[in-house]
Amino acid sequence: MEKNVNTTNNGVKISFTGEVKKQNIVKMVENCATGQCECMSDETKKKIQNMEVSGNDGDVSLDLTGDVSKEEIEAALAKSKVLNPEQ
């Protein structure tokens, strides 16, 4: 799975391509929204105003709206148990 993180005018956009299932990204967002993940600090979570998943299996986008940096999101993705089940 390829992960591409880019800064947008109102936050960060993550593009997942290759071996990615949309359902897994939705699950990751739900875990984050309900506090069931430890991939980012509470401080970072508070900065995110909205999370929106779009696309299809093999080409999924996640748009994060808020005052978050590309680096914060890249660090969170590296810790995600949904994306990195072997951790």
N, C-alpha and C. Protein backbone atom coordinates (compact mmCIF):
# COMPACT_ATOMS: atom_id res chain seq x y z
N MET A 1 0.84 -1.18 0.00
CA MET A 1 0.00 0.00 0.00
C MET A 1 0.89 1.24 0.00
N GLU A 2 0.56 2.15 -0.89
CA GLU A 2 1.26 3.44 -0.94
C GLU A 2 0.45 4.47 -0.17
N LYS A 3 1.14 5.30 0.62
CA LYS A 3 0.48 6.38 1.34
C LYS A 3 1.12 7.69 0.91
N ASN A 4 0.31 8.62 0.46
CA ASN A 4 0.80 9.92 0.04
C ASN A 4 0.12 10.99 0.88
N VAL A 5 0.87 11.78 1.62
CA VAL A 5 0.30 12.81 2.47
C VAL A 5 0.62 14.18 1.89
N ASN A 6 -0.40 14.99 1.67
CA ASN A 6 -0.21 16.32 1.11
C ASN A 6 -0.97 17.36 1.92
N THR A 7 -0.38 18.53 2.04
CA THR A 7 -1.03 19.65 2.72
C THR A 7 -2.04 20.27 1.76
N THR A 8 -3.23 20.64 2.28
CA THR A 8 -4.24 21.32 1.48
C THR A 8 -4.49 22.70 2.11
N ASN A 9 -5.37 23.47 1.49
CA ASN A 9 -5.69 24.80 2.03
C ASN A 9 -6.30 24.74 3.42
N ASN A 10 -7.03 23.65 3.72
CA ASN A 10 -7.72 23.59 5.01
C ASN A 10 -7.36 22.36 5.83
N GLY A 11 -6.21 21.76 5.56
CA GLY A 11 -5.79 20.60 6.34
C GLY A 11 -4.81 19.72 5.61
N VAL A 12 -5.09 18.42 5.62
CA VAL A 12 -4.19 17.43 5.03
C VAL A 12 -5.02 16.40 4.27
N LYS A 13 -4.51 15.94 3.12
CA LYS A 13 -5.17 14.89 2.34
C LYS A 13 -4.21 13.71 2.26
N ILE A 14 -4.74 12.53 2.55
CA ILE A 14 -3.95 11.31 2.47
C ILE A 14 -4.54 10.46 1.35
N SER A 15 -3.69 10.05 0.43
CA SER A 15 -4.12 9.17 -0.66
C SER A 15 -3.50 7.80 -0.43
N PHE A 16 -4.35 6.79 -0.40
CA PHE A 16 -3.92 5.40 -0.24
C PHE A 16 -4.15 4.70 -1.57
N THR A 17 -3.12 4.09 -2.13
CA THR A 17 -3.29 3.35 -3.38
C THR A 17 -2.65 1.97 -3.26
N GLY A 18 -3.05 1.08 -4.15
CA GLY A 18 -2.54 -0.28 -4.12
C GLY A 18 -3.44 -1.19 -3.30
N GLU A 19 -2.82 -1.96 -2.41
CA GLU A 19 -3.56 -2.93 -1.60
C GLU A 19 -4.26 -2.23 -0.43
N VAL A 20 -5.31 -1.49 -0.73
CA VAL A 20 -6.04 -0.79 0.33
C VAL A 20 -7.54 -1.02 0.15
N LYS A 21 -8.20 -1.32 1.26
CA LYS A 21 -9.66 -1.49 1.25
C LYS A 21 -10.28 -0.26 1.90
N LYS A 22 -11.27 0.32 1.23
CA LYS A 22 -11.95 1.51 1.75
C LYS A 22 -12.47 1.26 3.16
N GLN A 23 -13.00 0.08 3.39
CA GLN A 23 -13.57 -0.29 4.68
C GLN A 23 -12.53 -0.16 5.80
N ASN A 24 -11.26 -0.47 5.51
CA ASN A 24 -10.22 -0.36 6.53
C ASN A 24 -9.93 1.09 6.89
N ILE A 25 -9.98 1.98 5.91
CA ILE A 25 -9.74 3.40 6.16
C ILE A 25 -10.92 3.97 6.96
N VAL A 26 -12.14 3.56 6.60
CA VAL A 26 -13.33 3.98 7.36
C VAL A 26 -13.21 3.53 8.81
N LYS A 27 -12.76 2.29 9.03
CA LYS A 27 -12.59 1.74 10.39
C LYS A 27 -11.55 2.57 11.14
N MET A 28 -10.45 2.92 10.48
CA MET A 28 -9.41 3.72 11.11
C MET A 28 -9.98 5.08 11.55
N VAL A 29 -10.77 5.71 10.69
CA VAL A 29 -11.37 7.01 11.00
C VAL A 29 -12.34 6.87 12.17
N GLU A 30 -13.15 5.81 12.16
CA GLU A 30 -14.11 5.59 13.25
C GLU A 30 -13.37 5.39 14.58
N ASN A 31 -12.29 4.60 14.55
CA ASN A 31 -11.50 4.38 15.76
C ASN A 31 -10.94 5.70 16.29
N CYS A 32 -10.48 6.51 15.38
CA CYS A 32 -9.91 7.81 15.75
C CYS A 32 -10.99 8.72 16.34
N ALA A 33 -12.13 8.77 15.70
CA ALA A 33 -13.22 9.65 16.12
C ALA A 33 -13.78 9.26 17.49
N THR A 34 -13.74 7.96 17.80
CA THR A 34 -14.30 7.50 19.08
C THR A 34 -13.23 7.31 20.16
N GLY A 35 -11.99 7.67 19.84
CA GLY A 35 -10.92 7.58 20.83
C GLY A 35 -10.40 6.18 21.05
N GLN A 36 -10.65 5.27 20.11
CA GLN A 36 -10.21 3.88 20.28
C GLN A 36 -8.85 3.60 19.67
N CYS A 37 -8.14 4.65 19.29
CA CYS A 37 -6.79 4.43 18.74
C CYS A 37 -5.81 5.27 19.53
N GLU A 38 -4.54 4.90 19.41
CA GLU A 38 -3.49 5.64 20.10
C GLU A 38 -2.48 6.16 19.10
N CYS A 39 -2.94 6.38 17.86
CA CYS A 39 -1.99 6.75 16.81
C CYS A 39 -1.57 8.21 16.86
N MET A 40 -2.38 9.06 17.50
CA MET A 40 -1.99 10.47 17.63
C MET A 40 -2.35 11.00 19.00
N SER A 41 -1.69 12.06 19.40
CA SER A 41 -1.94 12.64 20.71
C SER A 41 -3.33 13.29 20.75
N ASP A 42 -3.84 13.45 21.94
CA ASP A 42 -5.14 14.13 22.11
C ASP A 42 -5.04 15.56 21.57
N GLU A 43 -3.87 16.14 21.72
CA GLU A 43 -3.62 17.49 21.21
C GLU A 43 -3.85 17.56 19.70
N THR A 44 -3.31 16.58 18.99
CA THR A 44 -3.48 16.53 17.53
C THR A 44 -4.94 16.25 17.18
N LYS A 45 -5.57 15.30 17.90
CA LYS A 45 -6.97 14.96 17.62
C LYS A 45 -7.88 16.18 17.74
N LYS A 46 -7.60 17.04 18.72
CA LYS A 46 -8.43 18.23 18.94
C LYS A 46 -8.34 19.20 17.77
N LYS A 47 -7.23 19.16 17.04
CA LYS A 47 -7.04 20.08 15.91
C LYS A 47 -7.88 19.67 14.69
N ILE A 48 -8.26 18.41 14.62
CA ILE A 48 -9.00 17.91 13.45
C ILE A 48 -10.48 18.20 13.62
N GLN A 49 -11.03 18.96 12.67
CA GLN A 49 -12.45 19.32 12.72
C GLN A 49 -13.32 18.32 11.97
N ASN A 50 -12.78 17.73 10.91
CA ASN A 50 -13.57 16.81 10.09
C ASN A 50 -12.67 15.80 9.41
N MET A 51 -13.18 14.56 9.24
CA MET A 51 -12.47 13.50 8.53
C MET A 51 -13.43 12.92 7.50
N GLU A 52 -13.00 12.89 6.24
CA GLU A 52 -13.88 12.41 5.18
C GLU A 52 -13.15 11.41 4.29
N VAL A 53 -13.73 10.22 4.17
CA VAL A 53 -13.16 9.16 3.34
C VAL A 53 -13.89 9.13 2.00
N SER A 54 -13.13 9.01 0.91
CA SER A 54 -13.75 8.90 -0.42
C SER A 54 -12.94 7.93 -1.27
N GLY A 55 -13.48 7.58 -2.43
CA GLY A 55 -12.80 6.67 -3.35
C GLY A 55 -13.31 5.25 -3.23
N ASN A 56 -12.54 4.33 -3.77
CA ASN A 56 -12.89 2.91 -3.81
C ASN A 56 -11.68 2.07 -3.41
N ASP A 57 -11.91 0.76 -3.19
CA ASP A 57 -10.80 -0.14 -2.89
C ASP A 57 -9.69 0.07 -3.93
N GLY A 58 -8.46 0.18 -3.45
CA GLY A 58 -7.32 0.36 -4.36
C GLY A 58 -6.97 1.82 -4.58
N ASP A 59 -7.89 2.73 -4.28
CA ASP A 59 -7.65 4.16 -4.47
C ASP A 59 -8.57 4.93 -3.53
N VAL A 60 -8.10 5.11 -2.28
CA VAL A 60 -8.92 5.71 -1.23
C VAL A 60 -8.26 7.02 -0.78
N SER A 61 -9.08 8.04 -0.57
CA SER A 61 -8.57 9.31 -0.05
C SER A 61 -9.19 9.60 1.30
N LEU A 62 -8.40 10.22 2.15
CA LEU A 62 -8.87 10.66 3.46
C LEU A 62 -8.52 12.14 3.58
N ASP A 63 -9.55 12.97 3.68
CA ASP A 63 -9.34 14.41 3.85
C ASP A 63 -9.55 14.78 5.30
N LEU A 64 -8.53 15.40 5.89
CA LEU A 64 -8.61 15.87 7.26
C LEU A 64 -8.68 17.39 7.24
N THR A 65 -9.71 17.95 7.84
CA THR A 65 -9.86 19.39 7.92
C THR A 65 -9.45 19.83 9.32
N GLY A 66 -8.58 20.83 9.38
CA GLY A 66 -8.13 21.35 10.67
C GLY A 66 -6.71 21.84 10.58
N ASP A 67 -6.22 22.31 11.70
CA ASP A 67 -4.89 22.91 11.77
C ASP A 67 -3.85 21.84 12.11
N VAL A 68 -3.75 20.83 11.24
CA VAL A 68 -2.79 19.74 11.47
C VAL A 68 -1.69 19.82 10.43
N SER A 69 -0.51 19.35 10.81
CA SER A 69 0.62 19.37 9.88
C SER A 69 0.77 18.01 9.20
N LYS A 70 1.39 18.05 8.05
CA LYS A 70 1.70 16.83 7.30
C LYS A 70 2.51 15.88 8.18
N GLU A 71 3.45 16.42 8.93
CA GLU A 71 4.33 15.60 9.77
C GLU A 71 3.55 14.90 10.89
N GLU A 72 2.60 15.60 11.50
CA GLU A 72 1.78 15.00 12.57
C GLU A 72 1.01 13.80 12.02
N ILE A 73 0.46 13.97 10.82
CA ILE A 73 -0.36 12.92 10.22
C ILE A 73 0.50 11.75 9.77
N GLU A 74 1.67 12.03 9.21
CA GLU A 74 2.58 10.94 8.80
C GLU A 74 2.99 10.11 10.02
N ALA A 75 3.24 10.77 11.15
CA ALA A 75 3.61 10.06 12.38
C ALA A 75 2.44 9.19 12.86
N ALA A 76 1.21 9.71 12.78
CA ALA A 76 0.03 8.95 13.20
C ALA A 76 -0.18 7.74 12.30
N LEU A 77 0.01 7.90 11.00
CA LEU A 77 -0.17 6.79 10.07
C LEU A 77 0.83 5.67 10.37
N ALA A 78 2.04 6.03 10.75
CA ALA A 78 3.07 5.04 11.06
C ALA A 78 2.70 4.22 12.29
N LYS A 79 1.89 4.79 13.20
CA LYS A 79 1.51 4.10 14.43
C LYS A 79 0.17 3.37 14.32
N SER A 80 -0.56 3.57 13.23
CA SER A 80 -1.90 3.00 13.10
C SER A 80 -1.87 1.47 13.07
N LYS A 81 -2.63 0.85 13.98
CA LYS A 81 -2.69 -0.62 14.01
C LYS A 81 -3.56 -1.15 12.88
N VAL A 82 -4.45 -0.32 12.34
CA VAL A 82 -5.27 -0.75 11.20
C VAL A 82 -4.39 -0.85 9.95
N LEU A 83 -3.50 0.14 9.77
CA LEU A 83 -2.64 0.15 8.58
C LEU A 83 -1.41 -0.74 8.75
N ASN A 84 -0.98 -0.92 9.99
CA ASN A 84 0.23 -1.70 10.28
C ASN A 84 -0.08 -2.79 11.30
N PRO A 85 -0.85 -3.81 10.90
CA PRO A 85 -1.31 -4.81 11.87
C PRO A 85 -0.19 -5.58 12.55
N GLU A 86 1.00 -5.59 11.96
CA GLU A 86 2.08 -6.35 12.56
C GLU A 86 2.69 -5.66 13.77
N GLN A 87 2.30 -4.42 14.05
CA GLN A 87 2.87 -3.70 15.21
C GLN A 87 2.29 -4.18 16.50
